[in-house]
């Protein structure tokens, strides 16, 4: 993988010529130089979420209590779909893709199809899984707080976090 300022040259290790690629997967994230399209990351996370869901489909389609299915979904499938989402820039379209995938998984857990024409509120009340948009928002805020709090220099982020007004008290939050 080369950036735009370098002419691509073959890389040889021993007698093996390494393949030149535009992107690769490292620690579960797609790595790519230059302008990056976050839609590819979202699509990859949805695919991996469906793979995790598929491995547990025999449990999700069984007659075990819904609260156990919900716990399993929240602990095994949702983290796969939201891994690395702290650093993604979200648009309404990307968030909609994730929500659509989650609702489809919830429908499969309940054993209903789109033809049944059930509202999302009904499906959500039946499964009671953590909403993916809320989970991503929570992860983003935790990540931001962690990055601000770990700084030891005099950067503005830490000052904002620990700011106290001169008069009165600071509001909670």
C-alpha atoms as a PDB file:
ATOM      1  CA  UNK A   1       0.000   0.000   0.000  1.00  0.00           C
ATOM      2  CA  UNK A   2       1.482   3.336  -1.062  1.00  0.00           C
ATOM      3  CA  UNK A   3       0.288   6.903  -0.674  1.00  0.00           C
ATOM      4  CA  UNK A   4      -0.098   9.286  -3.606  1.00  0.00           C
ATOM      5  CA  UNK A   5       3.357  10.841  -3.095  1.00  0.00           C
ATOM      6  CA  UNK A   6       5.278   7.602  -3.713  1.00  0.00           C
ATOM      7  CA  UNK A   7       5.574   5.649  -6.927  1.00  0.00           C
ATOM      8  CA  UNK A   8       4.603   2.017  -6.306  1.00  0.00           C
ATOM      9  CA  UNK A   9       7.573  -0.340  -6.365  1.00  0.00           C
ATOM     10  CA  UNK A  10       7.579  -4.097  -5.877  1.00  0.00           C
ATOM     11  CA  UNK A  11       8.473  -5.227  -2.357  1.00  0.00           C
ATOM     12  CA  UNK A  12      10.403  -8.482  -2.135  1.00  0.00           C
ATOM     13  CA  UNK A  13      11.025 -10.392   1.097  1.00  0.00           C
ATOM     14  CA  UNK A  14      13.398 -13.285   0.542  1.00  0.00           C
ATOM     15  CA  UNK A  15      12.232 -14.704  -2.773  1.00  0.00           C
ATOM     16  CA  UNK A  16       8.586 -13.731  -2.258  1.00  0.00           C
ATOM     17  CA  UNK A  17       7.110 -10.691  -3.934  1.00  0.00           C
ATOM     18  CA  UNK A  18       4.484  -9.025  -1.713  1.00  0.00           C
ATOM     19  CA  UNK A  19       1.161  -8.068  -3.213  1.00  0.00           C
ATOM     20  CA  UNK A  20       0.375  -4.346  -3.430  1.00  0.00           C
ATOM     21  CA  UNK A  21      -3.120  -3.632  -2.115  1.00  0.00           C
ATOM     22  CA  UNK A  22      -5.288  -0.542  -1.728  1.00  0.00           C
ATOM     23  CA  UNK A  23      -6.693  -1.638   1.629  1.00  0.00           C
ATOM     24  CA  UNK A  24      -6.403  -4.420   4.174  1.00  0.00           C
ATOM     25  CA  UNK A  25      -8.000  -5.557   7.425  1.00  0.00           C
ATOM     26  CA  UNK A  26      -5.984  -5.032  10.615  1.00  0.00           C
ATOM     27  CA  UNK A  27      -7.430  -5.795  14.066  1.00  0.00           C
ATOM     28  CA  UNK A  28     -10.908  -5.998  12.585  1.00  0.00           C
ATOM     29  CA  UNK A  29     -10.743  -2.582  10.916  1.00  0.00           C
ATOM     30  CA  UNK A  30     -10.277  -1.756   7.258  1.00  0.00           C
ATOM     31  CA  UNK A  31      -7.074   0.266   6.771  1.00  0.00           C
ATOM     32  CA  UNK A  32      -6.804   2.447   3.705  1.00  0.00           C
ATOM     33  CA  UNK A  33      -4.757   5.509   2.732  1.00  0.00           C
ATOM     34  CA  UNK A  34      -6.306   8.665   1.376  1.00  0.00           C
ATOM     35  CA  UNK A  35      -9.919   9.722   1.449  1.00  0.00           C
ATOM     36  CA  UNK A  36     -11.834   6.962   3.148  1.00  0.00           C
ATOM     37  CA  UNK A  37     -15.399   5.896   2.637  1.00  0.00           C
ATOM     38  CA  UNK A  38     -16.976   4.993   6.005  1.00  0.00           C
ATOM     39  CA  UNK A  39     -19.818   3.231   4.207  1.00  0.00           C
ATOM     40  CA  UNK A  40     -17.458   0.320   3.584  1.00  0.00           C
ATOM     41  CA  UNK A  41     -16.712   0.057   7.305  1.00  0.00           C
ATOM     42  CA  UNK A  42     -20.403   0.116   8.159  1.00  0.00           C
ATOM     43  CA  UNK A  43     -21.164  -2.533   5.522  1.00  0.00           C
ATOM     44  CA  UNK A  44     -18.356  -4.727   6.842  1.00  0.00           C
ATOM     45  CA  UNK A  45     -19.642  -4.435  10.410  1.00  0.00           C
ATOM     46  CA  UNK A  46     -23.156  -5.348   9.246  1.00  0.00           C
ATOM     47  CA  UNK A  47     -21.778  -8.412   7.436  1.00  0.00           C
ATOM     48  CA  UNK A  48     -19.840  -9.480  10.520  1.00  0.00           C
ATOM     49  CA  UNK A  49     -22.927  -8.893  12.664  1.00  0.00           C
ATOM     50  CA  UNK A  50     -24.966 -11.175  10.417  1.00  0.00           C
ATOM     51  CA  UNK A  51     -22.190 -13.776  10.588  1.00  0.00           C
ATOM     52  CA  UNK A  52     -22.273 -13.680  14.398  1.00  0.00           C
ATOM     53  CA  UNK A  53     -26.066 -13.820  14.341  1.00  0.00           C
ATOM     54  CA  UNK A  54     -25.983 -16.751  11.924  1.00  0.00           C
ATOM     55  CA  UNK A  55     -23.673 -18.737  14.188  1.00  0.00           C
ATOM     56  CA  UNK A  56     -26.250 -18.358  16.970  1.00  0.00           C
ATOM     57  CA  UNK A  57     -29.343 -18.729  14.778  1.00  0.00           C
ATOM     58  CA  UNK A  58     -30.228 -22.078  16.330  1.00  0.00           C
ATOM     59  CA  UNK A  59     -30.565 -20.301  19.673  1.00  0.00           C
ATOM     60  CA  UNK A  60     -32.377 -17.241  18.310  1.00  0.00           C
ATOM     61  CA  UNK A  61     -34.932 -19.395  16.497  1.00  0.00           C
ATOM     62  CA  UNK A  62     -35.505 -21.759  19.421  1.00  0.00           C
ATOM     63  CA  UNK A  63     -38.241 -21.582  22.059  1.00  0.00           C
ATOM     64  CA  UNK A  64     -36.017 -20.343  24.891  1.00  0.00           C
ATOM     65  CA  UNK A  65     -37.256 -17.254  26.771  1.00  0.00           C
ATOM     66  CA  UNK A  66     -36.887 -13.928  24.958  1.00  0.00           C
ATOM     67  CA  UNK A  67     -34.877 -12.349  27.791  1.00  0.00           C
ATOM     68  CA  UNK A  68     -32.104 -14.928  27.242  1.00  0.00           C
ATOM     69  CA  UNK A  69     -32.112 -14.242  23.503  1.00  0.00           C
ATOM     70  CA  UNK A  70     -31.860 -10.526  24.271  1.00  0.00           C
ATOM     71  CA  UNK A  71     -28.892 -11.037  26.587  1.00  0.00           C
ATOM     72  CA  UNK A  72     -27.166 -13.182  23.991  1.00  0.00           C
ATOM     73  CA  UNK A  73     -27.780 -10.593  21.261  1.00  0.00           C
ATOM     74  CA  UNK A  74     -26.549  -7.714  23.436  1.00  0.00           C
ATOM     75  CA  UNK A  75     -23.403  -9.613  24.433  1.00  0.00           C
ATOM     76  CA  UNK A  76     -22.464 -11.443  21.233  1.00  0.00           C
ATOM     77  CA  UNK A  77     -23.914  -9.705  18.177  1.00  0.00           C
ATOM     78  CA  UNK A  78     -24.180  -6.017  19.109  1.00  0.00           C
ATOM     79  CA  UNK A  79     -20.477  -5.650  20.072  1.00  0.00           C
ATOM     80  CA  UNK A  80     -19.491  -7.150  16.714  1.00  0.00           C
ATOM     81  CA  UNK A  81     -21.617  -4.591  14.872  1.00  0.00           C
ATOM     82  CA  UNK A  82     -20.376  -1.624  16.915  1.00  0.00           C
ATOM     83  CA  UNK A  83     -16.680  -2.513  17.169  1.00  0.00           C
ATOM     84  CA  UNK A  84     -14.617   0.554  16.315  1.00  0.00           C
ATOM     85  CA  UNK A  85     -17.678   2.777  15.858  1.00  0.00           C
ATOM     86  CA  UNK A  86     -16.247   5.335  18.287  1.00  0.00           C
ATOM     87  CA  UNK A  87     -14.156   6.799  15.496  1.00  0.00           C
ATOM     88  CA  UNK A  88     -16.628   6.617  12.613  1.00  0.00           C
ATOM     89  CA  UNK A  89     -18.282   9.734  11.250  1.00  0.00           C
ATOM     90  CA  UNK A  90     -21.980   9.003  11.046  1.00  0.00           C
ATOM     91  CA  UNK A  91     -24.587  10.246   8.658  1.00  0.00           C
ATOM     92  CA  UNK A  92     -28.288   9.504   8.817  1.00  0.00           C
ATOM     93  CA  UNK A  93     -27.885   6.997   5.986  1.00  0.00           C
ATOM     94  CA  UNK A  94     -25.153   5.020   7.737  1.00  0.00           C
ATOM     95  CA  UNK A  95     -27.101   4.924  10.975  1.00  0.00           C
ATOM     96  CA  UNK A  96     -30.212   3.847   9.077  1.00  0.00           C
ATOM     97  CA  UNK A  97     -28.292   0.915   7.555  1.00  0.00           C
ATOM     98  CA  UNK A  98     -27.278  -0.283  11.004  1.00  0.00           C
ATOM     99  CA  UNK A  99     -30.799   0.134  12.372  1.00  0.00           C
ATOM    100  CA  UNK A 100     -32.316  -1.770   9.438  1.00  0.00           C
ATOM    101  CA  UNK A 101     -29.901  -4.653  10.008  1.00  0.00           C
ATOM    102  CA  UNK A 102     -30.705  -4.681  13.717  1.00  0.00           C
ATOM    103  CA  UNK A 103     -34.468  -4.673  13.101  1.00  0.00           C
ATOM    104  CA  UNK A 104     -34.095  -7.557  10.646  1.00  0.00           C
ATOM    105  CA  UNK A 105     -32.237  -9.553  13.290  1.00  0.00           C
ATOM    106  CA  UNK A 106     -34.927  -8.709  15.842  1.00  0.00           C
ATOM    107  CA  UNK A 107     -37.614  -9.903  13.430  1.00  0.00           C
ATOM    108  CA  UNK A 108     -35.729 -13.172  13.020  1.00  0.00           C
ATOM    109  CA  UNK A 109     -35.519 -13.540  16.810  1.00  0.00           C
ATOM    110  CA  UNK A 110     -39.273 -13.067  17.121  1.00  0.00           C
ATOM    111  CA  UNK A 111     -40.030 -15.272  14.125  1.00  0.00           C
ATOM    112  CA  UNK A 112     -41.907 -12.589  12.192  1.00  0.00           C
ATOM    113  CA  UNK A 113     -41.355 -11.338   8.650  1.00  0.00           C
ATOM    114  CA  UNK A 114     -41.852  -8.052   6.847  1.00  0.00           C
ATOM    115  CA  UNK A 115     -45.097  -9.424   5.450  1.00  0.00           C
ATOM    116  CA  UNK A 116     -46.568  -9.365   8.957  1.00  0.00           C
ATOM    117  CA  UNK A 117     -46.300  -5.540   8.773  1.00  0.00           C
ATOM    118  CA  UNK A 118     -45.482  -5.050  12.447  1.00  0.00           C
ATOM    119  CA  UNK A 119     -44.285  -1.644  13.583  1.00  0.00           C
ATOM    120  CA  UNK A 120     -40.727  -1.232  14.827  1.00  0.00           C
ATOM    121  CA  UNK A 121     -42.024  -0.149  18.233  1.00  0.00           C
ATOM    122  CA  UNK A 122     -43.833  -3.473  18.594  1.00  0.00           C
ATOM    123  CA  UNK A 123     -40.737  -5.431  17.591  1.00  0.00           C
ATOM    124  CA  UNK A 124     -38.522  -3.424  19.939  1.00  0.00           C
ATOM    125  CA  UNK A 125     -40.943  -3.955  22.819  1.00  0.00           C
ATOM    126  CA  UNK A 126     -40.928  -7.686  22.077  1.00  0.00           C
ATOM    127  CA  UNK A 127     -37.147  -8.092  22.017  1.00  0.00           C
ATOM    128  CA  UNK A 128     -36.026  -5.251  24.304  1.00  0.00           C
ATOM    129  CA  UNK A 129     -32.524  -5.275  22.797  1.00  0.00           C
ATOM    130  CA  UNK A 130     -30.238  -2.277  23.155  1.00  0.00           C
ATOM    131  CA  UNK A 131     -30.797   0.148  20.284  1.00  0.00           C
ATOM    132  CA  UNK A 132     -27.689   0.292  18.119  1.00  0.00           C
ATOM    133  CA  UNK A 133     -27.828   4.098  17.774  1.00  0.00           C
ATOM    134  CA  UNK A 134     -27.885   4.526  21.555  1.00  0.00           C
ATOM    135  CA  UNK A 135     -25.037   2.049  21.965  1.00  0.00           C
ATOM    136  CA  UNK A 136     -22.878   3.846  19.403  1.00  0.00           C
ATOM    137  CA  UNK A 137     -23.625   7.219  20.991  1.00  0.00           C
ATOM    138  CA  UNK A 138     -22.653   5.858  24.409  1.00  0.00           C
ATOM    139  CA  UNK A 139     -19.431   4.372  23.013  1.00  0.00           C
ATOM    140  CA  UNK A 140     -18.533   7.674  21.322  1.00  0.00           C
ATOM    141  CA  UNK A 141     -19.014   9.640  24.549  1.00  0.00           C
ATOM    142  CA  UNK A 142     -17.016   7.102  26.566  1.00  0.00           C
ATOM    143  CA  UNK A 143     -14.210   7.233  24.022  1.00  0.00           C
ATOM    144  CA  UNK A 144     -14.193  11.036  24.012  1.00  0.00           C
ATOM    145  CA  UNK A 145     -14.174  11.168  27.818  1.00  0.00           C
ATOM    146  CA  UNK A 146     -11.356   8.640  27.986  1.00  0.00           C
ATOM    147  CA  UNK A 147      -9.230  10.549  25.484  1.00  0.00           C
ATOM    148  CA  UNK A 148      -9.777  13.841  27.288  1.00  0.00           C
ATOM    149  CA  UNK A 149      -9.212  12.434  30.779  1.00  0.00           C
ATOM    150  CA  UNK A 150      -5.976  10.601  29.961  1.00  0.00           C
ATOM    151  CA  UNK A 151      -4.177  13.721  28.827  1.00  0.00           C
ATOM    152  CA  UNK A 152      -1.708  15.103  31.333  1.00  0.00           C
ATOM    153  CA  UNK A 153      -0.574  18.213  29.482  1.00  0.00           C
ATOM    154  CA  UNK A 154      -2.363  21.564  29.557  1.00  0.00           C
ATOM    155  CA  UNK A 155      -4.625  20.950  26.607  1.00  0.00           C
ATOM    156  CA  UNK A 156      -8.066  22.521  26.445  1.00  0.00           C
ATOM    157  CA  UNK A 157      -9.943  19.206  26.624  1.00  0.00           C
ATOM    158  CA  UNK A 158      -8.860  18.443  30.171  1.00  0.00           C
ATOM    159  CA  UNK A 159      -9.525  22.035  31.216  1.00  0.00           C
ATOM    160  CA  UNK A 160     -13.062  21.836  29.827  1.00  0.00           C
ATOM    161  CA  UNK A 161     -13.655  18.538  31.612  1.00  0.00           C
ATOM    162  CA  UNK A 162     -12.546  19.876  35.000  1.00  0.00           C
ATOM    163  CA  UNK A 163     -13.776  23.474  34.628  1.00  0.00           C
ATOM    164  CA  UNK A 164     -15.395  25.118  37.643  1.00  0.00           C
ATOM    165  CA  UNK A 165     -17.233  28.459  37.336  1.00  0.00           C
ATOM    166  CA  UNK A 166     -16.024  31.426  39.384  1.00  0.00           C
ATOM    167  CA  UNK A 167     -19.486  32.145  40.748  1.00  0.00           C
ATOM    168  CA  UNK A 168     -22.007  29.503  41.782  1.00  0.00           C
ATOM    169  CA  UNK A 169     -21.854  25.837  40.988  1.00  0.00           C
ATOM    170  CA  UNK A 170     -21.397  23.933  37.780  1.00  0.00           C
ATOM    171  CA  UNK A 171     -24.472  22.050  36.532  1.00  0.00           C
ATOM    172  CA  UNK A 172     -24.424  18.268  36.542  1.00  0.00           C
ATOM    173  CA  UNK A 173     -23.437  16.678  33.222  1.00  0.00           C
END
